[in-house]
Amino acid sequence: MTKYSPDKVSHNATEEDIDKARENYFKLQDAWKVLSDPDLRKQYDAELTADTLKYDTPADSEVDISELDYNTDDNCYYHPCRCGGEFEIPGSNLHLLSYCNTCSLSIHIIDTSKKK
């Protein structure tokens, strides 16, 4: 980590080199905060697994983001499932495959407004 510490950069380094070292230092610092905290690490692992499953498991259907109900209190999107359950998608996980809280159906969220 000291390799990227901004105060360890060579005295004849360019401004670009210093900015890059600073950026890498902050990335390492952020990564350490996540990986050293058990709760944040668990959340990171879950998101990584879900992101991997997105590509390994096909969705049962695609749902446009405009069809989701958004709750500002918990920053989550909701969509009813045909089984009577619902899909609860945290705002930061819209790109991931989402599963119904009652059955095994899954949906992939798309945004058709960006295709225009």
PDB file of N, CA and C in Angstrom:
ATOM      1  N   MET A   1       0.825  -1.183   0.000  1.00  0.00           N
ATOM      2  CA  MET A   1       0.000   0.000   0.000  1.00  0.00           C
ATOM      3  C   MET A   1       0.872   1.251   0.000  1.00  0.00           C
ATOM      4  N   THR A   2       2.031   1.163   0.630  1.00  0.00           N
ATOM      5  CA  THR A   2       2.894   2.340   0.660  1.00  0.00           C
ATOM      6  C   THR A   2       3.445   2.663  -0.728  1.00  0.00           C
ATOM      7  N   LYS A   3       3.454   1.677  -1.611  1.00  0.00           N
ATOM      8  CA  LYS A   3       3.915   1.912  -2.981  1.00  0.00           C
ATOM      9  C   LYS A   3       3.082   2.999  -3.651  1.00  0.00           C
ATOM     10  N   TYR A   4       1.769   3.033  -3.342  1.00  0.00           N
ATOM     11  CA  TYR A   4       0.872   3.994  -3.974  1.00  0.00           C
ATOM     12  C   TYR A   4       0.573   5.206  -3.095  1.00  0.00           C
ATOM     13  N   SER A   5       1.184   5.274  -1.950  1.00  0.00           N
ATOM     14  CA  SER A   5       0.949   6.412  -1.079  1.00  0.00           C
ATOM     15  C   SER A   5       1.410   7.688  -1.787  1.00  0.00           C
ATOM     16  N   PRO A   6       0.560   8.705  -1.838  1.00  0.00           N
ATOM     17  CA  PRO A   6       0.918   9.935  -2.557  1.00  0.00           C
ATOM     18  C   PRO A   6       2.199  10.587  -2.051  1.00  0.00           C
ATOM     19  N   ASP A   7       2.530  10.435  -0.779  1.00  0.00           N
ATOM     20  CA  ASP A   7       3.749  11.054  -0.270  1.00  0.00           C
ATOM     21  C   ASP A   7       5.000  10.218  -0.536  1.00  0.00           C
ATOM     22  N   LYS A   8       4.841   9.032  -1.124  1.00  0.00           N
ATOM     23  CA  LYS A   8       5.978   8.180  -1.469  1.00  0.00           C
ATOM     24  C   LYS A   8       6.331   8.244  -2.955  1.00  0.00           C
ATOM     25  N   VAL A   9       5.592   9.050  -3.711  1.00  0.00           N
ATOM     26  CA  VAL A   9       5.851   9.187  -5.147  1.00  0.00           C
ATOM     27  C   VAL A   9       7.137   9.983  -5.332  1.00  0.00           C
ATOM     28  N   SER A  10       7.877   9.608  -6.329  1.00  0.00           N
ATOM     29  CA  SER A  10       9.154  10.252  -6.628  1.00  0.00           C
ATOM     30  C   SER A  10       8.989  11.774  -6.757  1.00  0.00           C
ATOM     31  N   HIS A  11      10.033  12.492  -6.356  1.00  0.00           N
ATOM     32  CA  HIS A  11       9.992  13.962  -6.421  1.00  0.00           C
ATOM     33  C   HIS A  11       9.919  14.478  -7.850  1.00  0.00           C
ATOM     34  N   ASN A  12      10.399  13.702  -8.803  1.00  0.00           N
ATOM     35  CA  ASN A  12      10.350  14.155 -10.201  1.00  0.00           C
ATOM     36  C   ASN A  12       9.162  13.546 -10.961  1.00  0.00           C
ATOM     37  N   ALA A  13       8.177  13.061 -10.221  1.00  0.00           N
ATOM     38  CA  ALA A  13       6.982  12.477 -10.847  1.00  0.00           C
ATOM     39  C   ALA A  13       6.112  13.581 -11.442  1.00  0.00           C
ATOM     40  N   THR A  14       5.428  13.221 -12.504  1.00  0.00           N
ATOM     41  CA  THR A  14       4.524  14.180 -13.143  1.00  0.00           C
ATOM     42  C   THR A  14       3.235  14.282 -12.322  1.00  0.00           C
ATOM     43  N   GLU A  15       2.463  15.303 -12.601  1.00  0.00           N
ATOM     44  CA  GLU A  15       1.175  15.480 -11.929  1.00  0.00           C
ATOM     45  C   GLU A  15       0.261  14.277 -12.205  1.00  0.00           C
ATOM     46  N   GLU A  16       0.368  13.747 -13.429  1.00  0.00           N
ATOM     47  CA  GLU A  16      -0.422  12.572 -13.809  1.00  0.00           C
ATOM     48  C   GLU A  16      -0.030  11.355 -12.964  1.00  0.00           C
ATOM     49  N   ASP A  17       1.271  11.170 -12.744  1.00  0.00           N
ATOM     50  CA  ASP A  17       1.746  10.054 -11.918  1.00  0.00           C
ATOM     51  C   ASP A  17       1.251  10.185 -10.476  1.00  0.00           C
ATOM     52  N   ILE A  18       1.285  11.409  -9.974  1.00  0.00           N
ATOM     53  CA  ILE A  18       0.824  11.662  -8.604  1.00  0.00           C
ATOM     54  C   ILE A  18      -0.673  11.384  -8.483  1.00  0.00           C
ATOM     55  N   ASP A  19      -1.451  11.846  -9.481  1.00  0.00           N
ATOM     56  CA  ASP A  19      -2.897  11.598  -9.470  1.00  0.00           C
ATOM     57  C   ASP A  19      -3.207  10.104  -9.540  1.00  0.00           C
ATOM     58  N   LYS A  20      -2.452   9.381 -10.370  1.00  0.00           N
ATOM     59  CA  LYS A  20      -2.662   7.941 -10.497  1.00  0.00           C
ATOM     60  C   LYS A  20      -2.324   7.223  -9.191  1.00  0.00           C
ATOM     61  N   ALA A  21      -1.230   7.628  -8.560  1.00  0.00           N
ATOM     62  CA  ALA A  21      -0.845   7.032  -7.280  1.00  0.00           C
ATOM     63  C   ALA A  21      -1.908   7.318  -6.228  1.00  0.00           C
ATOM     64  N   ARG A  22      -2.427   8.529  -6.210  1.00  0.00           N
ATOM     65  CA  ARG A  22      -3.470   8.905  -5.246  1.00  0.00           C
ATOM     66  C   ARG A  22      -4.732   8.067  -5.482  1.00  0.00           C
ATOM     67  N   GLU A  23      -5.114   7.933  -6.755  1.00  0.00           N
ATOM     68  CA  GLU A  23      -6.302   7.151  -7.105  1.00  0.00           C
ATOM     69  C   GLU A  23      -6.138   5.690  -6.669  1.00  0.00           C
ATOM     70  N   ASN A  24      -4.981   5.100  -6.967  1.00  0.00           N
ATOM     71  CA  ASN A  24      -4.720   3.703  -6.576  1.00  0.00           C
ATOM     72  C   ASN A  24      -4.702   3.550  -5.060  1.00  0.00           C
ATOM     73  N   TYR A  25      -4.148   4.541  -4.371  1.00  0.00           N
ATOM     74  CA  TYR A  25      -4.095   4.501  -2.911  1.00  0.00           C
ATOM     75  C   TYR A  25      -5.505   4.482  -2.319  1.00  0.00           C
ATOM     76  N   PHE A  26      -6.374   5.352  -2.832  1.00  0.00           N
ATOM     77  CA  PHE A  26      -7.754   5.406  -2.328  1.00  0.00           C
ATOM     78  C   PHE A  26      -8.532   4.137  -2.682  1.00  0.00           C
ATOM     79  N   LYS A  27      -8.276   3.557  -3.850  1.00  0.00           N
ATOM     80  CA  LYS A  27      -8.917   2.294  -4.205  1.00  0.00           C
ATOM     81  C   LYS A  27      -8.503   1.192  -3.235  1.00  0.00           C
ATOM     82  N   LEU A  28      -7.215   1.133  -2.925  1.00  0.00           N
ATOM     83  CA  LEU A  28      -6.722   0.135  -1.971  1.00  0.00           C
ATOM     84  C   LEU A  28      -7.304   0.367  -0.584  1.00  0.00           C
ATOM     85  N   GLN A  29      -7.402   1.610  -0.196  1.00  0.00           N
ATOM     86  CA  GLN A  29      -7.962   1.949   1.108  1.00  0.00           C
ATOM     87  C   GLN A  29      -9.434   1.523   1.192  1.00  0.00           C
ATOM     88  N   ASP A  30     -10.198   1.798   0.129  1.00  0.00           N
ATOM     89  CA  ASP A  30     -11.606   1.394   0.090  1.00  0.00           C
ATOM     90  C   ASP A  30     -11.745  -0.124   0.122  1.00  0.00           C
ATOM     91  N   ALA A  31     -10.892  -0.808  -0.642  1.00  0.00           N
ATOM     92  CA  ALA A  31     -10.940  -2.277  -0.669  1.00  0.00           C
ATOM     93  C   ALA A  31     -10.635  -2.841   0.722  1.00  0.00           C
ATOM     94  N   TRP A  32      -9.661  -2.271   1.396  1.00  0.00           N
ATOM     95  CA  TRP A  32      -9.316  -2.753   2.733  1.00  0.00           C
ATOM     96  C   TRP A  32     -10.471  -2.546   3.709  1.00  0.00           C
ATOM     97  N   LYS A  33     -11.160  -1.406   3.610  1.00  0.00           N
ATOM     98  CA  LYS A  33     -12.306  -1.147   4.492  1.00  0.00           C
ATOM     99  C   LYS A  33     -13.382  -2.215   4.306  1.00  0.00           C
ATOM    100  N   VAL A  34     -13.638  -2.596   3.064  1.00  0.00           N
ATOM    101  CA  VAL A  34     -14.666  -3.610   2.784  1.00  0.00           C
ATOM    102  C   VAL A  34     -14.214  -4.985   3.240  1.00  0.00           C
ATOM    103  N   LEU A  35     -13.010  -5.356   2.884  1.00  0.00           N
ATOM    104  CA  LEU A  35     -12.541  -6.712   3.169  1.00  0.00           C
ATOM    105  C   LEU A  35     -12.232  -6.949   4.647  1.00  0.00           C
ATOM    106  N   SER A  36     -11.942  -5.887   5.394  1.00  0.00           N
ATOM    107  CA  SER A  36     -11.609  -6.065   6.809  1.00  0.00           C
ATOM    108  C   SER A  36     -12.844  -6.016   7.715  1.00  0.00           C
ATOM    109  N   ASP A  37     -13.974  -5.570   7.189  1.00  0.00           N
ATOM    110  CA  ASP A  37     -15.219  -5.508   7.960  1.00  0.00           C
ATOM    111  C   ASP A  37     -16.077  -6.729   7.610  1.00  0.00           C
ATOM    112  N   PRO A  38     -16.383  -7.596   8.582  1.00  0.00           N
ATOM    113  CA  PRO A  38     -17.128  -8.832   8.280  1.00  0.00           C
ATOM    114  C   PRO A  38     -18.478  -8.593   7.590  1.00  0.00           C
ATOM    115  N   ASP A  39     -19.209  -7.560   8.014  1.00  0.00           N
ATOM    116  CA  ASP A  39     -20.513  -7.299   7.399  1.00  0.00           C
ATOM    117  C   ASP A  39     -20.367  -6.797   5.967  1.00  0.00           C
ATOM    118  N   LEU A  40     -19.432  -5.873   5.760  1.00  0.00           N
ATOM    119  CA  LEU A  40     -19.210  -5.369   4.405  1.00  0.00           C
ATOM    120  C   LEU A  40     -18.648  -6.462   3.502  1.00  0.00           C
ATOM    121  N   ARG A  41     -17.810  -7.316   4.058  1.00  0.00           N
ATOM    122  CA  ARG A  41     -17.244  -8.421   3.289  1.00  0.00           C
ATOM    123  C   ARG A  41     -18.347  -9.397   2.855  1.00  0.00           C
ATOM    124  N   LYS A  42     -19.271  -9.663   3.769  1.00  0.00           N
ATOM    125  CA  LYS A  42     -20.384 -10.559   3.463  1.00  0.00           C
ATOM    126  C   LYS A  42     -21.237  -9.969   2.336  1.00  0.00           C
ATOM    127  N   GLN A  43     -21.510  -8.669   2.404  1.00  0.00           N
ATOM    128  CA  GLN A  43     -22.288  -7.999   1.363  1.00  0.00           C
ATOM    129  C   GLN A  43     -21.538  -8.033   0.031  1.00  0.00           C
ATOM    130  N   TYR A  44     -20.238  -7.780   0.070  1.00  0.00           N
ATOM    131  CA  TYR A  44     -19.411  -7.815  -1.141  1.00  0.00           C
ATOM    132  C   TYR A  44     -19.439  -9.211  -1.767  1.00  0.00           C
ATOM    133  N   ASP A  45     -19.269 -10.231  -0.945  1.00  0.00           N
ATOM    134  CA  ASP A  45     -19.281 -11.611  -1.446  1.00  0.00           C
ATOM    135  C   ASP A  45     -20.633 -11.963  -2.067  1.00  0.00           C
ATOM    136  N   ALA A  46     -21.722 -11.513  -1.422  1.00  0.00           N
ATOM    137  CA  ALA A  46     -23.064 -11.798  -1.946  1.00  0.00           C
ATOM    138  C   ALA A  46     -23.262 -11.117  -3.304  1.00  0.00           C
ATOM    139  N   GLU A  47     -22.822  -9.869  -3.424  1.00  0.00           N
ATOM    140  CA  GLU A  47     -22.963  -9.154  -4.693  1.00  0.00           C
ATOM    141  C   GLU A  47     -22.101  -9.793  -5.781  1.00  0.00           C
ATOM    142  N   LEU A  48     -20.923 -10.231  -5.406  1.00  0.00           N
ATOM    143  CA  LEU A  48     -20.038 -10.883  -6.369  1.00  0.00           C
ATOM    144  C   LEU A  48     -20.644 -12.200  -6.843  1.00  0.00           C
ATOM    145  N   THR A  49     -21.202 -12.962  -5.923  1.00  0.00           N
ATOM    146  CA  THR A  49     -21.857 -14.222  -6.278  1.00  0.00           C
ATOM    147  C   THR A  49     -23.062 -13.971  -7.169  1.00  0.00           C
ATOM    148  N   ALA A  50     -23.871 -12.990  -6.803  1.00  0.00           N
ATOM    149  CA  ALA A  50     -25.056 -12.671  -7.598  1.00  0.00           C
ATOM    150  C   ALA A  50     -24.661 -12.196  -8.992  1.00  0.00           C
ATOM    151  N   ASP A  51     -23.593 -11.421  -9.066  1.00  0.00           N
ATOM    152  CA  ASP A  51     -23.130 -10.939 -10.368  1.00  0.00           C
ATOM    153  C   ASP A  51     -22.650 -12.102 -11.228  1.00  0.00           C
ATOM    154  N   THR A  52     -21.995 -13.074 -10.607  1.00  0.00           N
ATOM    155  CA  THR A  52     -21.551 -14.258 -11.327  1.00  0.00           C
ATOM    156  C   THR A  52     -22.743 -15.069 -11.806  1.00  0.00           C
ATOM    157  N   LEU A  53     -23.744 -15.216 -10.936  1.00  0.00           N
ATOM    158  CA  LEU A  53     -24.941 -15.973 -11.304  1.00  0.00           C
ATOM    159  C   LEU A  53     -25.708 -15.307 -12.439  1.00  0.00           C
ATOM    160  N   LYS A  54     -25.581 -14.009 -12.531  1.00  0.00           N
ATOM    161  CA  LYS A  54     -26.270 -13.283 -13.599  1.00  0.00           C
ATOM    162  C   LYS A  54     -25.885 -13.845 -14.961  1.00  0.00           C
ATOM    163  N   TYR A  55     -24.645 -14.235 -15.084  1.00  0.00           N
ATOM    164  CA  TYR A  55     -24.165 -14.733 -16.364  1.00  0.00           C
ATOM    165  C   TYR A  55     -24.275 -16.241 -16.482  1.00  0.00           C
ATOM    166  N   ASP A  56     -24.397 -16.928 -15.351  1.00  0.00           N
ATOM    167  CA  ASP A  56     -24.466 -18.384 -15.367  1.00  0.00           C
ATOM    168  C   ASP A  56     -25.893 -18.914 -15.384  1.00  0.00           C
ATOM    169  N   THR A  57     -26.849 -18.108 -14.962  1.00  0.00           N
ATOM    170  CA  THR A  57     -28.231 -18.546 -14.849  1.00  0.00           C
ATOM    171  C   THR A  57     -29.122 -17.651 -15.691  1.00  0.00           C
ATOM    172  N   PRO A  58     -29.880 -18.219 -16.596  1.00  0.00           N
ATOM    173  CA  PRO A  58     -30.786 -17.376 -17.387  1.00  0.00           C
ATOM    174  C   PRO A  58     -31.967 -16.911 -16.533  1.00  0.00           C
ATOM    175  N   ALA A  59     -32.438 -15.712 -16.810  1.00  0.00           N
ATOM    176  CA  ALA A  59     -33.609 -15.190 -16.105  1.00  0.00           C
ATOM    177  C   ALA A  59     -34.866 -15.813 -16.692  1.00  0.00           C
ATOM    178  N   ASP A  60     -35.896 -15.952 -15.862  1.00  0.00           N
ATOM    179  CA  ASP A  60     -37.172 -16.454 -16.343  1.00  0.00           C
ATOM    180  C   ASP A  60     -37.873 -15.418 -17.219  1.00  0.00           C
ATOM    181  N   SER A  61     -37.615 -14.147 -16.941  1.00  0.00           N
ATOM    182  CA  SER A  61     -38.188 -13.084 -17.770  1.00  0.00           C
ATOM    183  C   SER A  61     -37.410 -11.796 -17.570  1.00  0.00           C
ATOM    184  N   GLU A  62     -37.654 -10.854 -18.469  1.00  0.00           N
ATOM    185  CA  GLU A  62     -37.069  -9.531 -18.356  1.00  0.00           C
ATOM    186  C   GLU A  62     -38.175  -8.553 -18.004  1.00  0.00           C
ATOM    187  N   VAL A  63     -37.862  -7.620 -17.126  1.00  0.00           N
ATOM    188  CA  VAL A  63     -38.833  -6.619 -16.700  1.00  0.00           C
ATOM    189  C   VAL A  63     -38.192  -5.249 -16.879  1.00  0.00           C
ATOM    190  N   ASP A  64     -38.919  -4.353 -17.546  1.00  0.00           N
ATOM    191  CA  ASP A  64     -38.405  -3.003 -17.731  1.00  0.00           C
ATOM    192  C   ASP A  64     -38.458  -2.251 -16.406  1.00  0.00           C
ATOM    193  N   ILE A  65     -37.468  -1.433 -16.177  1.00  0.00           N
ATOM    194  CA  ILE A  65     -37.385  -0.674 -14.923  1.00  0.00           C
ATOM    195  C   ILE A  65     -38.623   0.192 -14.700  1.00  0.00           C
ATOM    196  N   SER A  66     -39.260   0.622 -15.779  1.00  0.00           N
ATOM    197  CA  SER A  66     -40.460   1.459 -15.652  1.00  0.00           C
ATOM    198  C   SER A  66     -41.637   0.689 -15.050  1.00  0.00           C
ATOM    199  N   GLU A  67     -41.566  -0.635 -15.034  1.00  0.00           N
ATOM    200  CA  GLU A  67     -42.642  -1.463 -14.477  1.00  0.00           C
ATOM    201  C   GLU A  67     -42.455  -1.747 -12.986  1.00  0.00           C
ATOM    202  N   LEU A  68     -41.347  -1.292 -12.419  1.00  0.00           N
ATOM    203  CA  LEU A  68     -41.062  -1.541 -11.008  1.00  0.00           C
ATOM    204  C   LEU A  68     -41.625  -0.424 -10.141  1.00  0.00           C
ATOM    205  N   ASP A  69     -42.026  -0.772  -8.924  1.00  0.00           N
ATOM    206  CA  ASP A  69     -42.440   0.216  -7.928  1.00  0.00           C
ATOM    207  C   ASP A  69     -41.219   0.556  -7.091  1.00  0.00           C
ATOM    208  N   TYR A  70     -40.976   1.850  -6.871  1.00  0.00           N
ATOM    209  CA  TYR A  70     -39.801   2.281  -6.112  1.00  0.00           C
ATOM    210  C   TYR A  70     -40.229   2.832  -4.763  1.00  0.00           C
ATOM    211  N   ASN A  71     -39.538   2.402  -3.711  1.00  0.00           N
ATOM    212  CA  ASN A  71     -39.790   2.892  -2.360  1.00  0.00           C
ATOM    213  C   ASN A  71     -38.583   3.708  -1.918  1.00  0.00           C
ATOM    214  N   THR A  72     -38.766   5.005  -1.748  1.00  0.00           N
ATOM    215  CA  THR A  72     -37.651   5.879  -1.376  1.00  0.00           C
ATOM    216  C   THR A  72     -37.164   5.637   0.046  1.00  0.00           C
ATOM    217  N   ASP A  73     -38.022   5.135   0.916  1.00  0.00           N
ATOM    218  CA  ASP A  73     -37.625   4.909   2.310  1.00  0.00           C
ATOM    219  C   ASP A  73     -36.518   3.874   2.435  1.00  0.00           C
ATOM    220  N   ASP A  74     -36.592   2.815   1.635  1.00  0.00           N
ATOM    221  CA  ASP A  74     -35.567   1.767   1.726  1.00  0.00           C
ATOM    222  C   ASP A  74     -34.728   1.631   0.458  1.00  0.00           C
ATOM    223  N   ASN A  75     -34.900   2.557  -0.484  1.00  0.00           N
ATOM    224  CA  ASN A  75     -34.129   2.557  -1.734  1.00  0.00           C
ATOM    225  C   ASN A  75     -34.197   1.197  -2.428  1.00  0.00           C
ATOM    226  N   CYS A  76     -35.416   0.635  -2.482  1.00  0.00           N
ATOM    227  CA  CYS A  76     -35.632  -0.659  -3.126  1.00  0.00           C
ATOM    228  C   CYS A  76     -36.725  -0.562  -4.178  1.00  0.00           C
ATOM    229  N   TYR A  77     -36.572  -1.399  -5.181  1.00  0.00           N
ATOM    230  CA  TYR A  77     -37.592  -1.546  -6.211  1.00  0.00           C
ATOM    231  C   TYR A  77     -38.354  -2.836  -5.937  1.00  0.00           C
ATOM    232  N   TYR A  78     -39.627  -2.831  -6.248  1.00  0.00           N
ATOM    233  CA  TYR A  78     -40.469  -4.003  -6.021  1.00  0.00           C
ATOM    234  C   TYR A  78     -41.243  -4.341  -7.289  1.00  0.00           C
ATOM    235  N   HIS A  79     -41.458  -5.648  -7.485  1.00  0.00           N
ATOM    236  CA  HIS A  79     -42.254  -6.104  -8.619  1.00  0.00           C
ATOM    237  C   HIS A  79     -42.980  -7.375  -8.191  1.00  0.00           C
ATOM    238  N   PRO A  80     -44.296  -7.449  -8.440  1.00  0.00           N
ATOM    239  CA  PRO A  80     -45.031  -8.652  -8.022  1.00  0.00           C
ATOM    240  C   PRO A  80     -44.658  -9.859  -8.886  1.00  0.00           C
ATOM    241  N   CYS A  81     -44.657 -11.008  -8.248  1.00  0.00           N
ATOM    242  CA  CYS A  81     -44.399 -12.263  -8.954  1.00  0.00           C
ATOM    243  C   CYS A  81     -45.741 -12.952  -9.197  1.00  0.00           C
ATOM    244  N   ARG A  82     -45.791 -13.761 -10.218  1.00  0.00           N
ATOM    245  CA  ARG A  82     -47.045 -14.456 -10.539  1.00  0.00           C
ATOM    246  C   ARG A  82     -47.460 -15.456  -9.465  1.00  0.00           C
ATOM    247  N   CYS A  83     -46.528 -15.827  -8.584  1.00  0.00           N
ATOM    248  CA  CYS A  83     -46.859 -16.770  -7.513  1.00  0.00           C
ATOM    249  C   CYS A  83     -47.525 -16.081  -6.319  1.00  0.00           C
ATOM    250  N   GLY A  84     -47.521 -14.760  -6.319  1.00  0.00           N
ATOM    251  CA  GLY A  84     -48.069 -14.012  -5.196  1.00  0.00           C
ATOM    252  C   GLY A  84     -46.985 -13.371  -4.339  1.00  0.00           C
ATOM    253  N   GLY A  85     -45.760 -13.806  -4.522  1.00  0.00           N
ATOM    254  CA  GLY A  85     -44.631 -13.198  -3.812  1.00  0.00           C
ATOM    255  C   GLY A  85     -44.200 -11.925  -4.522  1.00  0.00           C
ATOM    256  N   GLU A  86     -42.993 -11.466  -4.226  1.00  0.00           N
ATOM    257  CA  GLU A  86     -42.502 -10.289  -4.928  1.00  0.00           C
ATOM    258  C   GLU A  86     -40.988 -10.300  -5.043  1.00  0.00           C
ATOM    259  N   PHE A  87     -40.532  -9.560  -6.008  1.00  0.00           N
ATOM    260  CA  PHE A  87     -39.111  -9.343  -6.208  1.00  0.00           C
ATOM    261  C   PHE A  87     -38.761  -8.052  -5.480  1.00  0.00           C
ATOM    262  N   GLU A  88     -37.749  -8.094  -4.624  1.00  0.00           N
ATOM    263  CA  GLU A  88     -37.278  -6.919  -3.907  1.00  0.00           C
ATOM    264  C   GLU A  88     -35.845  -6.666  -4.366  1.00  0.00           C
ATOM    265  N   ILE A  89     -35.643  -5.552  -5.054  1.00  0.00           N
ATOM    266  CA  ILE A  89     -34.339  -5.282  -5.649  1.00  0.00           C
ATOM    267  C   ILE A  89     -33.761  -3.993  -5.071  1.00  0.00           C
ATOM    268  N   PRO A  90     -32.668  -4.092  -4.298  1.00  0.00           N
ATOM    269  CA  PRO A  90     -32.033  -2.872  -3.806  1.00  0.00           C
ATOM    270  C   PRO A  90     -31.605  -1.991  -4.979  1.00  0.00           C
ATOM    271  N   GLY A  91     -31.713  -0.691  -4.809  1.00  0.00           N
ATOM    272  CA  GLY A  91     -31.395   0.248  -5.879  1.00  0.00           C
ATOM    273  C   GLY A  91     -30.016   0.059  -6.478  1.00  0.00           C
ATOM    274  N   SER A  92     -29.064  -0.404  -5.685  1.00  0.00           N
ATOM    275  CA  SER A  92     -27.701  -0.592  -6.190  1.00  0.00           C
ATOM    276  C   SER A  92     -27.526  -1.910  -6.938  1.00  0.00           C
ATOM    277  N   ASN A  93     -28.543  -2.781  -6.930  1.00  0.00           N
ATOM    278  CA  ASN A  93     -28.412  -4.104  -7.547  1.00  0.00           C
ATOM    279  C   ASN A  93     -29.311  -4.300  -8.756  1.00  0.00           C
ATOM    280  N   LEU A  94     -29.712  -3.232  -9.400  1.00  0.00           N
ATOM    281  CA  LEU A  94     -30.615  -3.363 -10.544  1.00  0.00           C
ATOM    282  C   LEU A  94     -29.991  -4.158 -11.684  1.00  0.00           C
ATOM    283  N   HIS A  95     -28.684  -4.183 -11.753  1.00  0.00           N
ATOM    284  CA  HIS A  95     -28.000  -4.890 -12.834  1.00  0.00           C
ATOM    285  C   HIS A  95     -27.900  -6.399 -12.581  1.00  0.00           C
ATOM    286  N   LEU A  96     -28.274  -6.836 -11.388  1.00  0.00           N
ATOM    287  CA  LEU A  96     -28.144  -8.249 -11.038  1.00  0.00           C
ATOM    288  C   LEU A  96     -29.428  -9.014 -11.313  1.00  0.00           C
ATOM    289  N   LEU A  97     -29.299 -10.317 -11.369  1.00  0.00           N
ATOM    290  CA  LEU A  97     -30.457 -11.196 -11.479  1.00  0.00           C
ATOM    291  C   LEU A  97     -31.182 -11.159 -10.142  1.00  0.00           C
ATOM    292  N   SER A  98     -32.510 -11.014 -10.157  1.00  0.00           N
ATOM    293  CA  SER A  98     -33.277 -10.922  -8.917  1.00  0.00           C
ATOM    294  C   SER A  98     -34.220 -12.111  -8.802  1.00  0.00           C
ATOM    295  N   TYR A  99     -34.359 -12.602  -7.587  1.00  0.00           N
ATOM    296  CA  TYR A  99     -35.190 -13.773  -7.331  1.00  0.00           C
ATOM    297  C   TYR A  99     -36.406 -13.396  -6.495  1.00  0.00           C
ATOM    298  N   CYS A 100     -37.497 -14.084  -6.750  1.00  0.00           N
ATOM    299  CA  CYS A 100     -38.726 -13.904  -5.977  1.00  0.00           C
ATOM    300  C   CYS A 100     -38.465 -14.331  -4.534  1.00  0.00           C
ATOM    301  N   ASN A 101     -39.128 -13.640  -3.591  1.00  0.00           N
ATOM    302  CA  ASN A 101     -38.933 -13.993  -2.187  1.00  0.00           C
ATOM    303  C   ASN A 101     -39.780 -15.190  -1.753  1.00  0.00           C
ATOM    304  N   THR A 102     -40.582 -15.749  -2.671  1.00  0.00           N
ATOM    305  CA  THR A 102     -41.436 -16.887  -2.338  1.00  0.00           C
ATOM    306  C   THR A 102     -41.131 -18.126  -3.178  1.00  0.00           C
ATOM    307  N   CYS A 103     -40.872 -17.935  -4.466  1.00  0.00           N
ATOM    308  CA  CYS A 103     -40.624 -19.088  -5.343  1.00  0.00           C
ATOM    309  C   CYS A 103     -39.233 -18.978  -5.976  1.00  0.00           C
ATOM    310  N   SER A 104     -38.962 -19.780  -6.963  1.00  0.00           N
ATOM    311  CA  SER A 104     -37.635 -19.803  -7.572  1.00  0.00           C
ATOM    312  C   SER A 104     -37.532 -18.989  -8.868  1.00  0.00           C
ATOM    313  N   LEU A 105     -38.564 -18.234  -9.216  1.00  0.00           N
ATOM    314  CA  LEU A 105     -38.515 -17.437 -10.445  1.00  0.00           C
ATOM    315  C   LEU A 105     -37.508 -16.305 -10.311  1.00  0.00           C
ATOM    316  N   SER A 106     -36.928 -15.949 -11.456  1.00  0.00           N
ATOM    317  CA  SER A 106     -35.958 -14.866 -11.466  1.00  0.00           C
ATOM    318  C   SER A 106     -36.275 -13.900 -12.604  1.00  0.00           C
ATOM    319  N   ILE A 107     -35.860 -12.652 -12.406  1.00  0.00           N
ATOM    320  CA  ILE A 107     -36.046 -11.642 -13.448  1.00  0.00           C
ATOM    321  C   ILE A 107     -34.742 -10.878 -13.655  1.00  0.00           C
ATOM    322  N   HIS A 108     -34.600 -10.371 -14.839  1.00  0.00           N
ATOM    323  CA  HIS A 108     -33.492  -9.493 -15.168  1.00  0.00           C
ATOM    324  C   HIS A 108     -34.098  -8.134 -15.484  1.00  0.00           C
ATOM    325  N   ILE A 109     -33.591  -7.085 -14.854  1.00  0.00           N
ATOM    326  CA  ILE A 109     -34.123  -5.738 -15.059  1.00  0.00           C
ATOM    327  C   ILE A 109     -33.446  -5.123 -16.278  1.00  0.00           C
ATOM    328  N   ILE A 110     -34.263  -4.563 -17.176  1.00  0.00           N
ATOM    329  CA  ILE A 110     -33.736  -3.874 -18.351  1.00  0.00           C
ATOM    330  C   ILE A 110     -34.240  -2.440 -18.336  1.00  0.00           C
ATOM    331  N   ASP A 111     -33.586  -1.593 -19.081  1.00  0.00           N
ATOM    332  CA  ASP A 111     -33.994  -0.192 -19.181  1.00  0.00           C
ATOM    333  C   ASP A 111     -34.107   0.159 -20.654  1.00  0.00           C
ATOM    334  N   THR A 112     -35.316   0.063 -21.161  1.00  0.00           N
ATOM    335  CA  THR A 112     -35.518   0.323 -22.593  1.00  0.00           C
ATOM    336  C   THR A 112     -35.378   1.796 -22.936  1.00  0.00           C
ATOM    337  N   SER A 113     -35.450   2.683 -21.943  1.00  0.00           N
ATOM    338  CA  SER A 113     -35.297   4.119 -22.231  1.00  0.00           C
ATOM    339  C   SER A 113     -33.873   4.443 -22.673  1.00  0.00           C
ATOM    340  N   LYS A 114     -32.897   3.623 -22.304  1.00  0.00           N
ATOM    341  CA  LYS A 114     -31.504   3.857 -22.691  1.00  0.00           C
ATOM    342  C   LYS A 114     -31.198   3.354 -24.095  1.00  0.00           C
ATOM    343  N   LYS A 115     -32.112   2.587 -24.675  1.00  0.00           N
ATOM    344  CA  LYS A 115     -31.879   2.035 -26.010  1.00  0.00           C
ATOM    345  C   LYS A 115     -32.276   3.002 -27.108  1.00  0.00           C
ATOM    346  N   LYS A 116     -32.889   4.109 -26.739  1.00  0.00           N
ATOM    347  CA  LYS A 116     -33.366   5.075 -27.729  1.00  0.00           C
ATOM    348  C   LYS A 116     -32.242   5.896 -28.287  1.00  0.00           C
TER     349      LYS A 116
END
